[in-house]
């Protein structure tokens, strides 16, 4: 193990870590935490379950760098059959938590490395950081764009249609028919005009 890396306490159904001791250690010092969450709300109707992993916190200048690797499952709705199924996920990310209060003086801290308009997470006035929001965002990003319960799905197959992505095979034939139809009329149909040839009849032109 790295000489500057020490083991922190296990995070069991909690995501808040007090980092006051780590902030007092030299730059580069790090703590490793194991993470285990029975459930974790992701939005109003979606929850991650059996979440486990590790979080490594590293002391930077006025920040803590959190490097997290986690996995678990969530119940999603299959796009094909519209039934619920368990989707496994793995989320790995690195986020910066900015120090807001100096651990020695208690005064506010203005980061010299990160611009004020940069969106980062904050360490609160109690010198605690919360991994929950970063976990929530990265777990949601790990889910497939089109949830699919797998090869045994009773719903219709999805077929490739080039750059447009996937399409229900029930509509694939219709798509081909539309592609084979004549081109679209771009304007109103105009009537044909007849041309008349001038001929001489009994010396007169008609």
N, C-alpha and C. Protein backbone atom coordinates (compact mmCIF):
# COMPACT_ATOMS: atom_id res chain seq x y z
N UNK A 1 0.84 -1.20 0.00
CA UNK A 1 0.00 0.00 0.00
C UNK A 1 0.87 1.24 0.00
N UNK A 2 0.43 2.28 -0.67
CA UNK A 2 1.13 3.56 -0.73
C UNK A 2 1.39 4.07 0.68
N UNK A 3 2.62 4.62 0.90
CA UNK A 3 2.99 5.12 2.23
C UNK A 3 2.06 6.23 2.69
N UNK A 4 1.49 6.99 1.75
CA UNK A 4 0.60 8.10 2.10
C UNK A 4 -0.87 7.69 2.10
N UNK A 5 -1.13 6.40 1.88
CA UNK A 5 -2.50 5.90 1.83
C UNK A 5 -2.84 5.15 3.10
N UNK A 6 -3.90 5.55 3.77
CA UNK A 6 -4.36 4.86 4.97
C UNK A 6 -5.80 4.42 4.77
N UNK A 7 -6.23 3.49 5.60
CA UNK A 7 -7.58 2.95 5.48
C UNK A 7 -8.54 3.74 6.36
N UNK A 8 -9.63 4.22 5.75
CA UNK A 8 -10.67 4.90 6.50
C UNK A 8 -11.73 3.92 6.96
N UNK A 9 -12.74 4.42 7.67
CA UNK A 9 -13.78 3.54 8.17
C UNK A 9 -14.69 3.09 7.02
N UNK A 10 -15.38 1.99 7.23
CA UNK A 10 -16.30 1.48 6.21
C UNK A 10 -17.55 2.36 6.15
N UNK A 11 -17.99 2.64 4.93
CA UNK A 11 -19.22 3.40 4.72
C UNK A 11 -20.36 2.42 4.49
N UNK A 12 -21.13 2.16 5.53
CA UNK A 12 -22.24 1.22 5.44
C UNK A 12 -23.55 2.01 5.52
N UNK A 13 -24.24 2.08 4.38
CA UNK A 13 -25.48 2.85 4.27
C UNK A 13 -25.30 4.32 4.66
N UNK A 14 -24.14 4.86 4.33
CA UNK A 14 -23.89 6.29 4.52
C UNK A 14 -22.92 6.75 3.43
N UNK A 15 -23.00 8.02 3.09
CA UNK A 15 -22.15 8.57 2.03
C UNK A 15 -21.41 9.83 2.48
N UNK A 16 -21.60 10.24 3.73
CA UNK A 16 -20.96 11.44 4.25
C UNK A 16 -19.66 11.06 4.95
N UNK A 17 -18.58 11.79 4.62
CA UNK A 17 -17.26 11.51 5.20
C UNK A 17 -16.71 12.81 5.80
N UNK A 18 -16.26 12.75 7.06
CA UNK A 18 -15.59 13.88 7.68
C UNK A 18 -14.11 13.84 7.28
N UNK A 19 -13.64 14.91 6.66
CA UNK A 19 -12.28 14.92 6.11
C UNK A 19 -11.36 15.89 6.84
N UNK A 20 -11.74 16.32 8.06
CA UNK A 20 -10.92 17.29 8.77
C UNK A 20 -9.52 16.75 9.03
N UNK A 21 -9.41 15.47 9.41
CA UNK A 21 -8.09 14.89 9.68
C UNK A 21 -7.27 14.81 8.40
N UNK A 22 -7.90 14.44 7.30
CA UNK A 22 -7.19 14.33 6.02
C UNK A 22 -6.70 15.70 5.56
N UNK A 23 -7.49 16.75 5.79
CA UNK A 23 -7.09 18.10 5.38
C UNK A 23 -5.91 18.62 6.20
N UNK A 24 -5.65 18.03 7.36
CA UNK A 24 -4.52 18.44 8.19
C UNK A 24 -3.25 17.67 7.83
N UNK A 25 -3.41 16.65 7.01
CA UNK A 25 -2.25 15.86 6.60
C UNK A 25 -1.55 16.52 5.41
N UNK A 26 -0.32 16.09 5.08
CA UNK A 26 0.41 16.70 3.96
C UNK A 26 -0.32 16.50 2.64
N UNK A 27 0.00 17.36 1.68
CA UNK A 27 -0.57 17.22 0.34
C UNK A 27 -0.20 15.85 -0.22
N UNK A 28 -1.15 15.21 -0.85
CA UNK A 28 -0.93 13.88 -1.41
C UNK A 28 -1.37 12.76 -0.50
N UNK A 29 -1.64 13.07 0.77
CA UNK A 29 -2.13 12.03 1.68
C UNK A 29 -3.50 11.55 1.21
N UNK A 30 -3.77 10.27 1.42
CA UNK A 30 -5.01 9.68 0.90
C UNK A 30 -5.61 8.70 1.88
N UNK A 31 -6.92 8.56 1.81
CA UNK A 31 -7.66 7.59 2.60
C UNK A 31 -8.50 6.73 1.66
N UNK A 32 -8.58 5.44 1.99
CA UNK A 32 -9.37 4.50 1.19
C UNK A 32 -10.55 4.02 2.03
N UNK A 33 -11.74 4.15 1.47
CA UNK A 33 -12.97 3.77 2.17
C UNK A 33 -13.71 2.71 1.36
N UNK A 34 -14.20 1.69 2.05
CA UNK A 34 -15.10 0.75 1.39
C UNK A 34 -16.52 1.29 1.49
N UNK A 35 -17.32 0.99 0.48
CA UNK A 35 -18.66 1.56 0.37
C UNK A 35 -19.67 0.44 0.18
N UNK A 36 -20.73 0.47 0.98
CA UNK A 36 -21.80 -0.52 0.83
C UNK A 36 -23.13 0.15 1.16
N UNK A 37 -24.03 0.18 0.17
CA UNK A 37 -25.35 0.78 0.34
C UNK A 37 -26.42 -0.24 -0.04
N UNK A 38 -27.33 -0.51 0.86
CA UNK A 38 -28.42 -1.44 0.53
C UNK A 38 -29.31 -0.85 -0.56
N UNK A 39 -29.66 0.42 -0.41
CA UNK A 39 -30.45 1.13 -1.42
C UNK A 39 -29.94 2.56 -1.55
N UNK A 40 -30.19 3.15 -2.72
CA UNK A 40 -29.83 4.54 -2.94
C UNK A 40 -30.81 5.16 -3.93
N UNK A 41 -31.58 6.17 -3.52
CA UNK A 41 -32.52 6.81 -4.44
C UNK A 41 -31.78 7.51 -5.58
N UNK A 42 -32.26 7.31 -6.81
CA UNK A 42 -31.68 7.96 -7.98
C UNK A 42 -32.58 9.06 -8.52
N UNK A 43 -33.89 8.84 -8.48
CA UNK A 43 -34.88 9.88 -8.76
C UNK A 43 -36.18 9.45 -8.09
N UNK A 44 -37.28 10.10 -8.43
CA UNK A 44 -38.53 9.84 -7.73
C UNK A 44 -39.00 8.40 -7.87
N UNK A 45 -38.68 7.75 -8.99
CA UNK A 45 -39.20 6.41 -9.24
C UNK A 45 -38.11 5.36 -9.45
N UNK A 46 -36.88 5.71 -9.19
CA UNK A 46 -35.78 4.80 -9.50
C UNK A 46 -34.82 4.71 -8.32
N UNK A 47 -34.44 3.48 -7.97
CA UNK A 47 -33.55 3.26 -6.82
C UNK A 47 -32.48 2.25 -7.19
N UNK A 48 -31.24 2.54 -6.82
CA UNK A 48 -30.15 1.58 -6.97
C UNK A 48 -30.11 0.69 -5.73
N UNK A 49 -29.75 -0.57 -5.93
CA UNK A 49 -29.71 -1.52 -4.83
C UNK A 49 -28.38 -2.28 -4.84
N UNK A 50 -28.03 -2.77 -3.65
CA UNK A 50 -26.82 -3.59 -3.47
C UNK A 50 -25.59 -2.88 -4.06
N UNK A 51 -25.45 -1.63 -3.71
CA UNK A 51 -24.33 -0.81 -4.21
C UNK A 51 -23.10 -1.08 -3.35
N UNK A 52 -21.99 -1.37 -3.99
CA UNK A 52 -20.74 -1.61 -3.26
C UNK A 52 -19.56 -1.10 -4.07
N UNK A 53 -18.48 -0.80 -3.38
CA UNK A 53 -17.29 -0.33 -4.08
C UNK A 53 -16.29 0.30 -3.12
N UNK A 54 -15.43 1.15 -3.67
CA UNK A 54 -14.41 1.83 -2.88
C UNK A 54 -14.33 3.29 -3.29
N UNK A 55 -13.94 4.11 -2.33
CA UNK A 55 -13.72 5.54 -2.58
C UNK A 55 -12.35 5.91 -2.03
N UNK A 56 -11.53 6.51 -2.87
CA UNK A 56 -10.21 6.98 -2.45
C UNK A 56 -10.24 8.51 -2.42
N UNK A 57 -9.94 9.09 -1.27
CA UNK A 57 -9.90 10.53 -1.10
C UNK A 57 -8.45 10.98 -0.97
N UNK A 58 -8.06 11.96 -1.78
CA UNK A 58 -6.68 12.46 -1.79
C UNK A 58 -6.68 13.95 -1.49
N UNK A 59 -5.80 14.37 -0.56
CA UNK A 59 -5.69 15.78 -0.18
C UNK A 59 -4.89 16.54 -1.23
N UNK A 60 -5.54 17.50 -1.87
CA UNK A 60 -4.85 18.40 -2.79
C UNK A 60 -4.63 19.73 -2.06
N UNK A 61 -4.48 20.83 -2.79
CA UNK A 61 -4.17 22.11 -2.14
C UNK A 61 -5.32 22.59 -1.26
N UNK A 62 -6.42 22.96 -1.86
CA UNK A 62 -7.62 23.36 -1.11
C UNK A 62 -8.79 22.45 -1.45
N UNK A 63 -8.50 21.27 -1.90
CA UNK A 63 -9.54 20.37 -2.37
C UNK A 63 -9.26 18.94 -1.93
N UNK A 64 -10.29 18.14 -2.03
CA UNK A 64 -10.18 16.69 -1.88
C UNK A 64 -10.57 16.07 -3.21
N UNK A 65 -9.70 15.21 -3.74
CA UNK A 65 -10.00 14.48 -4.97
C UNK A 65 -10.61 13.14 -4.59
N UNK A 66 -11.85 12.91 -5.02
CA UNK A 66 -12.54 11.65 -4.73
C UNK A 66 -12.54 10.78 -5.98
N UNK A 67 -11.93 9.60 -5.87
CA UNK A 67 -11.91 8.62 -6.97
C UNK A 67 -12.73 7.42 -6.51
N UNK A 68 -13.82 7.15 -7.22
CA UNK A 68 -14.80 6.17 -6.75
C UNK A 68 -15.04 5.12 -7.82
N UNK A 69 -15.11 3.88 -7.38
CA UNK A 69 -15.50 2.76 -8.25
C UNK A 69 -16.61 2.01 -7.52
N UNK A 70 -17.73 1.83 -8.18
CA UNK A 70 -18.86 1.18 -7.52
C UNK A 70 -19.67 0.36 -8.52
N UNK A 71 -20.43 -0.59 -8.01
CA UNK A 71 -21.30 -1.42 -8.85
C UNK A 71 -22.55 -1.75 -8.06
N UNK A 72 -23.57 -2.20 -8.77
CA UNK A 72 -24.83 -2.55 -8.13
C UNK A 72 -25.87 -2.92 -9.16
N UNK A 73 -27.14 -2.86 -8.78
CA UNK A 73 -28.24 -3.16 -9.70
C UNK A 73 -29.33 -2.11 -9.52
N UNK A 74 -30.16 -1.97 -10.54
CA UNK A 74 -31.33 -1.10 -10.47
C UNK A 74 -32.43 -1.73 -11.32
N UNK A 75 -33.66 -1.52 -10.93
CA UNK A 75 -34.79 -2.06 -11.69
C UNK A 75 -35.20 -1.03 -12.74
N UNK A 76 -35.03 -1.40 -14.02
CA UNK A 76 -35.38 -0.53 -15.14
C UNK A 76 -36.55 -1.11 -15.91
N UNK A 77 -37.11 -0.32 -16.81
CA UNK A 77 -38.22 -0.74 -17.67
C UNK A 77 -37.67 -1.03 -19.06
N UNK A 78 -37.87 -2.26 -19.53
CA UNK A 78 -37.37 -2.67 -20.84
C UNK A 78 -38.10 -1.91 -21.95
N UNK A 79 -37.33 -1.38 -22.90
CA UNK A 79 -37.92 -0.64 -24.02
C UNK A 79 -38.72 -1.53 -24.96
N UNK A 80 -38.41 -2.83 -25.00
CA UNK A 80 -39.04 -3.73 -25.96
C UNK A 80 -40.34 -4.33 -25.43
N UNK A 81 -40.29 -4.91 -24.23
CA UNK A 81 -41.49 -5.58 -23.70
C UNK A 81 -42.20 -4.76 -22.63
N UNK A 82 -41.57 -3.67 -22.19
CA UNK A 82 -42.14 -2.78 -21.18
C UNK A 82 -42.31 -3.44 -19.82
N UNK A 83 -41.58 -4.53 -19.59
CA UNK A 83 -41.57 -5.17 -18.27
C UNK A 83 -40.36 -4.68 -17.48
N UNK A 84 -40.44 -4.78 -16.17
CA UNK A 84 -39.32 -4.40 -15.31
C UNK A 84 -38.27 -5.51 -15.28
N UNK A 85 -37.02 -5.13 -15.14
CA UNK A 85 -35.93 -6.11 -15.04
C UNK A 85 -34.78 -5.50 -14.25
N UNK A 86 -33.89 -6.34 -13.74
CA UNK A 86 -32.73 -5.87 -12.98
C UNK A 86 -31.57 -5.57 -13.93
N UNK A 87 -31.10 -4.34 -13.90
CA UNK A 87 -29.97 -3.91 -14.73
C UNK A 87 -28.73 -3.76 -13.85
N UNK A 88 -27.69 -4.53 -14.14
CA UNK A 88 -26.43 -4.36 -13.43
C UNK A 88 -25.73 -3.10 -13.95
N UNK A 89 -24.98 -2.45 -13.08
CA UNK A 89 -24.24 -1.26 -13.51
C UNK A 89 -22.88 -1.21 -12.82
N UNK A 90 -21.98 -0.50 -13.46
CA UNK A 90 -20.68 -0.16 -12.89
C UNK A 90 -20.44 1.31 -13.16
N UNK A 91 -20.11 2.04 -12.11
CA UNK A 91 -19.85 3.48 -12.24
C UNK A 91 -18.48 3.79 -11.66
N UNK A 92 -17.66 4.44 -12.46
CA UNK A 92 -16.31 4.82 -12.02
C UNK A 92 -16.10 6.29 -12.37
N UNK A 93 -15.69 7.09 -11.39
CA UNK A 93 -15.56 8.52 -11.64
C UNK A 93 -14.56 9.16 -10.68
N UNK A 94 -14.17 10.38 -11.04
CA UNK A 94 -13.32 11.22 -10.21
C UNK A 94 -13.94 12.60 -10.12
N UNK A 95 -14.11 13.10 -8.91
CA UNK A 95 -14.69 14.42 -8.70
C UNK A 95 -13.86 15.19 -7.67
N UNK A 96 -13.89 16.52 -7.79
CA UNK A 96 -13.19 17.39 -6.84
C UNK A 96 -14.19 18.00 -5.87
N UNK A 97 -13.84 17.98 -4.58
CA UNK A 97 -14.63 18.62 -3.54
C UNK A 97 -13.82 19.80 -3.00
N UNK A 98 -14.37 20.98 -3.17
CA UNK A 98 -13.65 22.20 -2.79
C UNK A 98 -13.82 22.50 -1.30
N UNK A 99 -12.72 22.84 -0.66
CA UNK A 99 -12.74 23.25 0.74
C UNK A 99 -13.34 24.65 0.86
N UNK A 100 -14.29 24.84 1.78
CA UNK A 100 -14.93 26.15 1.95
C UNK A 100 -14.52 26.84 3.25
N UNK A 101 -14.06 26.06 4.24
CA UNK A 101 -13.66 26.62 5.53
C UNK A 101 -12.30 26.05 5.92
N UNK A 102 -11.38 26.92 6.31
CA UNK A 102 -10.04 26.50 6.73
C UNK A 102 -10.12 25.72 8.04
N UNK A 103 -9.45 24.56 8.09
CA UNK A 103 -9.53 23.72 9.29
C UNK A 103 -8.77 24.32 10.47
N UNK A 104 -7.84 25.22 10.22
CA UNK A 104 -7.05 25.82 11.29
C UNK A 104 -7.69 27.09 11.83
N UNK A 105 -8.12 27.97 10.93
CA UNK A 105 -8.61 29.29 11.34
C UNK A 105 -10.12 29.41 11.38
N UNK A 106 -10.82 28.55 10.65
CA UNK A 106 -12.27 28.64 10.57
C UNK A 106 -12.75 29.70 9.60
N UNK A 107 -11.83 30.36 8.92
CA UNK A 107 -12.21 31.39 7.95
C UNK A 107 -12.52 30.75 6.60
N UNK A 108 -13.21 31.52 5.76
CA UNK A 108 -13.55 31.01 4.44
C UNK A 108 -12.34 30.81 3.56
N UNK A 109 -12.42 29.85 2.67
CA UNK A 109 -11.31 29.52 1.78
C UNK A 109 -11.72 29.84 0.35
N UNK A 110 -10.86 30.57 -0.34
CA UNK A 110 -11.04 30.83 -1.77
C UNK A 110 -9.99 30.04 -2.52
N UNK A 111 -10.44 29.11 -3.35
CA UNK A 111 -9.50 28.25 -4.07
C UNK A 111 -8.65 29.06 -5.03
N UNK A 112 -7.35 28.78 -5.03
CA UNK A 112 -6.42 29.44 -5.94
C UNK A 112 -6.23 28.66 -7.23
N UNK A 113 -6.75 27.44 -7.27
CA UNK A 113 -6.53 26.57 -8.43
C UNK A 113 -7.77 26.43 -9.30
N UNK A 114 -8.95 26.57 -8.70
CA UNK A 114 -10.19 26.35 -9.44
C UNK A 114 -10.97 27.65 -9.54
N UNK A 115 -11.31 28.11 -10.74
CA UNK A 115 -12.10 29.34 -10.89
C UNK A 115 -13.43 29.23 -10.15
N UNK A 116 -13.92 30.37 -9.68
CA UNK A 116 -15.16 30.38 -8.90
C UNK A 116 -16.36 29.87 -9.69
N UNK A 117 -16.35 30.05 -11.03
CA UNK A 117 -17.50 29.65 -11.83
C UNK A 117 -17.44 28.18 -12.25
N UNK A 118 -16.40 27.46 -11.80
CA UNK A 118 -16.30 26.03 -12.12
C UNK A 118 -17.21 25.24 -11.19
N UNK A 119 -18.02 24.35 -11.77
CA UNK A 119 -18.95 23.57 -10.97
C UNK A 119 -18.23 22.37 -10.34
N UNK A 120 -18.03 22.43 -9.04
CA UNK A 120 -17.46 21.32 -8.29
C UNK A 120 -18.29 21.14 -7.03
N UNK A 121 -18.12 20.00 -6.39
CA UNK A 121 -18.81 19.75 -5.13
C UNK A 121 -18.07 20.45 -4.00
N UNK A 122 -18.76 20.66 -2.89
CA UNK A 122 -18.19 21.43 -1.78
C UNK A 122 -18.03 20.58 -0.53
N UNK A 123 -17.00 20.90 0.24
CA UNK A 123 -16.84 20.39 1.60
C UNK A 123 -17.50 21.42 2.51
N UNK A 124 -18.43 21.01 3.34
CA UNK A 124 -19.21 21.99 4.10
C UNK A 124 -18.43 22.56 5.28
N UNK A 125 -19.11 23.43 6.03
CA UNK A 125 -18.45 24.11 7.16
C UNK A 125 -18.05 23.16 8.28
N UNK A 126 -18.62 21.96 8.28
CA UNK A 126 -18.24 20.94 9.27
C UNK A 126 -17.13 20.02 8.75
N UNK A 127 -16.56 20.39 7.60
CA UNK A 127 -15.48 19.63 6.96
C UNK A 127 -15.94 18.22 6.56
N UNK A 128 -17.17 18.16 6.07
CA UNK A 128 -17.73 16.90 5.61
C UNK A 128 -18.06 17.00 4.12
N UNK A 129 -17.79 15.93 3.41
CA UNK A 129 -18.20 15.84 2.01
C UNK A 129 -19.18 14.68 1.85
N UNK A 130 -20.07 14.83 0.90
CA UNK A 130 -21.11 13.83 0.67
C UNK A 130 -20.97 13.28 -0.75
N UNK A 131 -20.77 11.98 -0.86
CA UNK A 131 -20.60 11.33 -2.16
C UNK A 131 -21.93 11.08 -2.87
N UNK A 132 -23.06 11.30 -2.18
CA UNK A 132 -24.35 10.86 -2.70
C UNK A 132 -24.70 11.45 -4.06
N UNK A 133 -24.58 12.76 -4.23
CA UNK A 133 -24.99 13.38 -5.49
C UNK A 133 -24.11 12.95 -6.65
N UNK A 134 -22.80 12.87 -6.42
CA UNK A 134 -21.91 12.40 -7.49
C UNK A 134 -22.23 10.95 -7.84
N UNK A 135 -22.46 10.12 -6.85
CA UNK A 135 -22.84 8.73 -7.10
C UNK A 135 -24.13 8.67 -7.92
N UNK A 136 -25.11 9.45 -7.53
CA UNK A 136 -26.40 9.43 -8.22
C UNK A 136 -26.23 9.79 -9.70
N UNK A 137 -25.50 10.86 -9.96
CA UNK A 137 -25.33 11.31 -11.34
C UNK A 137 -24.58 10.28 -12.18
N UNK A 138 -23.52 9.72 -11.65
CA UNK A 138 -22.70 8.79 -12.44
C UNK A 138 -23.38 7.43 -12.61
N UNK A 139 -24.15 7.01 -11.64
CA UNK A 139 -24.91 5.76 -11.80
C UNK A 139 -25.95 5.92 -12.91
N UNK A 140 -26.65 7.05 -12.92
CA UNK A 140 -27.64 7.30 -13.98
C UNK A 140 -26.97 7.32 -15.35
N UNK A 141 -25.78 7.91 -15.44
CA UNK A 141 -25.07 7.96 -16.72
C UNK A 141 -24.61 6.58 -17.18
N UNK A 142 -24.48 5.64 -16.25
CA UNK A 142 -24.00 4.30 -16.62
C UNK A 142 -25.08 3.43 -17.24
N UNK A 143 -26.34 3.82 -17.12
CA UNK A 143 -27.43 3.00 -17.64
C UNK A 143 -27.46 3.07 -19.17
N UNK A 144 -27.93 1.99 -19.83
CA UNK A 144 -28.01 1.99 -21.29
C UNK A 144 -29.04 3.00 -21.79
N UNK A 145 -28.80 3.54 -22.99
CA UNK A 145 -29.74 4.49 -23.58
C UNK A 145 -31.10 3.84 -23.82
N UNK A 146 -31.08 2.57 -24.24
CA UNK A 146 -32.32 1.82 -24.47
C UNK A 146 -32.29 0.58 -23.58
N UNK A 147 -32.90 0.63 -22.41
CA UNK A 147 -32.91 -0.53 -21.52
C UNK A 147 -33.48 -1.76 -22.21
N UNK A 148 -32.82 -2.89 -22.04
CA UNK A 148 -33.21 -4.14 -22.72
C UNK A 148 -33.00 -5.28 -21.73
N UNK A 149 -34.05 -6.06 -21.50
CA UNK A 149 -33.95 -7.12 -20.49
C UNK A 149 -33.18 -8.34 -20.97
N UNK A 150 -32.78 -8.38 -22.25
CA UNK A 150 -31.90 -9.44 -22.71
C UNK A 150 -32.45 -10.29 -23.83
N UNK A 151 -31.69 -11.35 -24.15
CA UNK A 151 -32.03 -12.20 -25.30
C UNK A 151 -33.38 -12.89 -25.15
N UNK A 152 -33.79 -13.16 -23.91
CA UNK A 152 -35.06 -13.85 -23.69
C UNK A 152 -36.26 -12.91 -23.66
N UNK A 153 -36.05 -11.66 -24.01
CA UNK A 153 -37.15 -10.67 -23.98
C UNK A 153 -38.27 -11.11 -24.91
N UNK A 154 -39.52 -11.12 -24.44
CA UNK A 154 -40.65 -11.52 -25.29
C UNK A 154 -41.08 -10.44 -26.27
N UNK A 155 -40.52 -9.26 -26.15
CA UNK A 155 -40.90 -8.16 -27.02
C UNK A 155 -40.29 -8.29 -28.40
N UNK A 156 -40.66 -7.41 -29.32
CA UNK A 156 -40.13 -7.46 -30.69
C UNK A 156 -38.66 -7.12 -30.72
N UNK A 157 -37.95 -7.72 -31.70
CA UNK A 157 -36.54 -7.42 -31.87
C UNK A 157 -36.37 -6.01 -32.41
N UNK A 158 -35.21 -5.44 -32.12
CA UNK A 158 -34.84 -4.16 -32.68
C UNK A 158 -33.79 -4.39 -33.75
N UNK A 159 -33.93 -3.73 -34.88
CA UNK A 159 -32.99 -3.93 -35.98
C UNK A 159 -32.27 -2.63 -36.27
N UNK A 160 -31.05 -2.75 -36.80
CA UNK A 160 -30.24 -1.58 -37.13
C UNK A 160 -30.81 -0.86 -38.35
N UNK A 161 -30.83 0.46 -38.28
CA UNK A 161 -31.26 1.26 -39.43
C UNK A 161 -30.27 2.39 -39.68
N UNK A 162 -29.00 2.04 -39.65
CA UNK A 162 -27.95 3.02 -39.95
C UNK A 162 -27.78 4.03 -38.84
N UNK A 163 -27.55 5.30 -39.26
CA UNK A 163 -27.25 6.34 -38.29
C UNK A 163 -28.43 6.66 -37.38
N UNK A 164 -29.63 6.30 -37.79
CA UNK A 164 -30.80 6.63 -36.97
C UNK A 164 -30.94 5.72 -35.77
N UNK A 165 -30.11 4.66 -35.65
CA UNK A 165 -30.12 3.83 -34.47
C UNK A 165 -30.90 2.55 -34.66
N UNK A 166 -31.79 2.22 -33.68
CA UNK A 166 -32.54 0.98 -33.69
C UNK A 166 -34.02 1.27 -33.92
N UNK A 167 -34.68 0.28 -34.53
CA UNK A 167 -36.12 0.44 -34.78
C UNK A 167 -36.79 -0.90 -34.54
N UNK A 168 -38.00 -0.86 -34.03
CA UNK A 168 -38.81 -2.05 -33.83
C UNK A 168 -38.98 -2.74 -35.19
N UNK A 169 -38.74 -4.08 -35.22
CA UNK A 169 -38.80 -4.78 -36.51
C UNK A 169 -40.20 -4.76 -37.11
N UNK A 170 -41.22 -4.52 -36.30
CA UNK A 170 -42.58 -4.42 -36.83
C UNK A 170 -42.72 -3.22 -37.75
N UNK A 171 -41.88 -2.21 -37.55
CA UNK A 171 -41.94 -1.01 -38.38
C UNK A 171 -40.85 -1.00 -39.44
N UNK A 172 -39.98 -2.01 -39.43
CA UNK A 172 -38.89 -2.03 -40.39
C UNK A 172 -39.41 -2.17 -41.82
N UNK A 173 -40.42 -3.08 -42.02
CA UNK A 173 -40.98 -3.27 -43.36
C UNK A 173 -41.64 -2.00 -43.86
N UNK A 174 -42.36 -1.32 -42.96
CA UNK A 174 -42.99 -0.06 -43.34
C UNK A 174 -41.95 0.97 -43.74
N UNK A 175 -40.85 0.98 -43.01
CA UNK A 175 -39.77 1.92 -43.34
C UNK A 175 -39.21 1.64 -44.73
N UNK A 176 -39.08 0.34 -45.07
CA UNK A 176 -38.55 0.00 -46.39
C UNK A 176 -39.53 0.41 -47.49
N UNK A 177 -40.84 0.21 -47.23
CA UNK A 177 -41.84 0.61 -48.22
C UNK A 177 -41.79 2.11 -48.48
N UNK A 178 -41.66 2.86 -47.41
CA UNK A 178 -41.58 4.32 -47.56
C UNK A 178 -40.35 4.73 -48.34
N UNK A 179 -39.25 4.00 -48.11
CA UNK A 179 -38.02 4.31 -48.84
C UNK A 179 -38.15 4.02 -50.33
N UNK A 180 -39.02 3.02 -50.68
CA UNK A 180 -39.15 2.62 -52.08
C UNK A 180 -40.16 3.46 -52.86
N UNK A 181 -40.94 4.31 -52.18
CA UNK A 181 -41.96 5.10 -52.88
C UNK A 181 -41.31 6.17 -53.74
N UNK A 182 -42.04 6.60 -54.82
CA UNK A 182 -41.50 7.67 -55.67
C UNK A 182 -41.23 8.92 -54.87
N UNK A 183 -40.41 9.77 -55.44
CA UNK A 183 -40.05 11.00 -54.75
C UNK A 183 -41.26 11.88 -54.53
N UNK A 184 -41.15 12.73 -53.55
CA UNK A 184 -42.24 13.61 -53.17
C UNK A 184 -42.40 14.72 -54.21
N UNK A 185 -43.66 15.08 -54.51
CA UNK A 185 -43.93 16.20 -55.40
C UNK A 185 -43.61 17.49 -54.67
N UNK A 186 -42.75 18.30 -55.24
CA UNK A 186 -42.28 19.49 -54.56
C UNK A 186 -43.20 20.68 -54.73
N UNK A 187 -44.08 20.66 -55.73
CA UNK A 187 -44.96 21.80 -55.94
C UNK A 187 -46.26 21.36 -56.56
N UNK A 188 -47.20 22.28 -56.78
CA UNK A 188 -48.49 21.89 -57.38
C UNK A 188 -48.30 21.42 -58.81
N UNK A 189 -49.11 20.44 -59.18
CA UNK A 189 -49.04 19.91 -60.54
C UNK A 189 -49.59 20.96 -61.51
N UNK A 190 -48.89 21.20 -62.58
CA UNK A 190 -49.33 22.20 -63.57
C UNK A 190 -49.91 21.50 -64.78
N UNK A 191 -50.92 22.13 -65.41
CA UNK A 191 -51.54 21.54 -66.61
C UNK A 191 -50.63 21.75 -67.81
N UNK A 192 -50.71 20.81 -68.73
CA UNK A 192 -49.89 20.92 -69.93
C UNK A 192 -50.49 21.97 -70.88
N UNK A 193 -49.66 22.71 -71.55
CA UNK A 193 -50.13 23.69 -72.54
C UNK A 193 -49.94 23.12 -73.93
N UNK A 194 -50.92 23.34 -74.77
CA UNK A 194 -50.84 22.83 -76.14
C UNK A 194 -50.26 23.90 -77.05
N UNK A 195 -49.44 23.46 -77.96
CA UNK A 195 -48.87 24.41 -78.94
C UNK A 195 -49.59 24.22 -80.27
N UNK A 196 -49.85 25.32 -80.93
CA UNK A 196 -50.56 25.27 -82.21
C UNK A 196 -49.62 25.71 -83.32
N UNK A 197 -49.69 24.97 -84.44
CA UNK A 197 -48.83 25.29 -85.59
C UNK A 197 -49.60 26.17 -86.57
N UNK A 198 -49.00 27.22 -86.94
CA UNK A 198 -49.65 28.12 -87.91
C UNK A 198 -49.54 27.51 -89.33
N UNK A 199 -50.66 27.36 -89.98
CA UNK A 199 -50.68 26.82 -91.35
C UNK A 199 -51.50 27.76 -92.22
N UNK A 200 -51.22 27.73 -93.48
CA UNK A 200 -51.95 28.58 -94.43
C UNK A 200 -53.10 27.79 -95.05
N UNK A 201 -54.28 28.35 -94.94
CA UNK A 201 -55.46 27.73 -95.55
C UNK A 201 -56.13 28.79 -96.43
N UNK A 202 -56.15 28.49 -97.69
CA UNK A 202 -56.74 29.43 -98.67
C UNK A 202 -56.14 30.82 -98.52
N UNK A 203 -54.82 30.83 -98.32
CA UNK A 203 -54.13 32.11 -98.26
C UNK A 203 -54.22 32.78 -96.92
N UNK A 204 -54.99 32.16 -95.97
CA UNK A 204 -55.09 32.77 -94.64
C UNK A 204 -54.29 31.94 -93.64
N UNK A 205 -53.81 32.60 -92.67
CA UNK A 205 -53.04 31.90 -91.63
C UNK A 205 -53.95 31.59 -90.47
N UNK A 206 -53.95 30.33 -90.02
CA UNK A 206 -54.80 29.95 -88.89
C UNK A 206 -53.93 29.56 -87.71
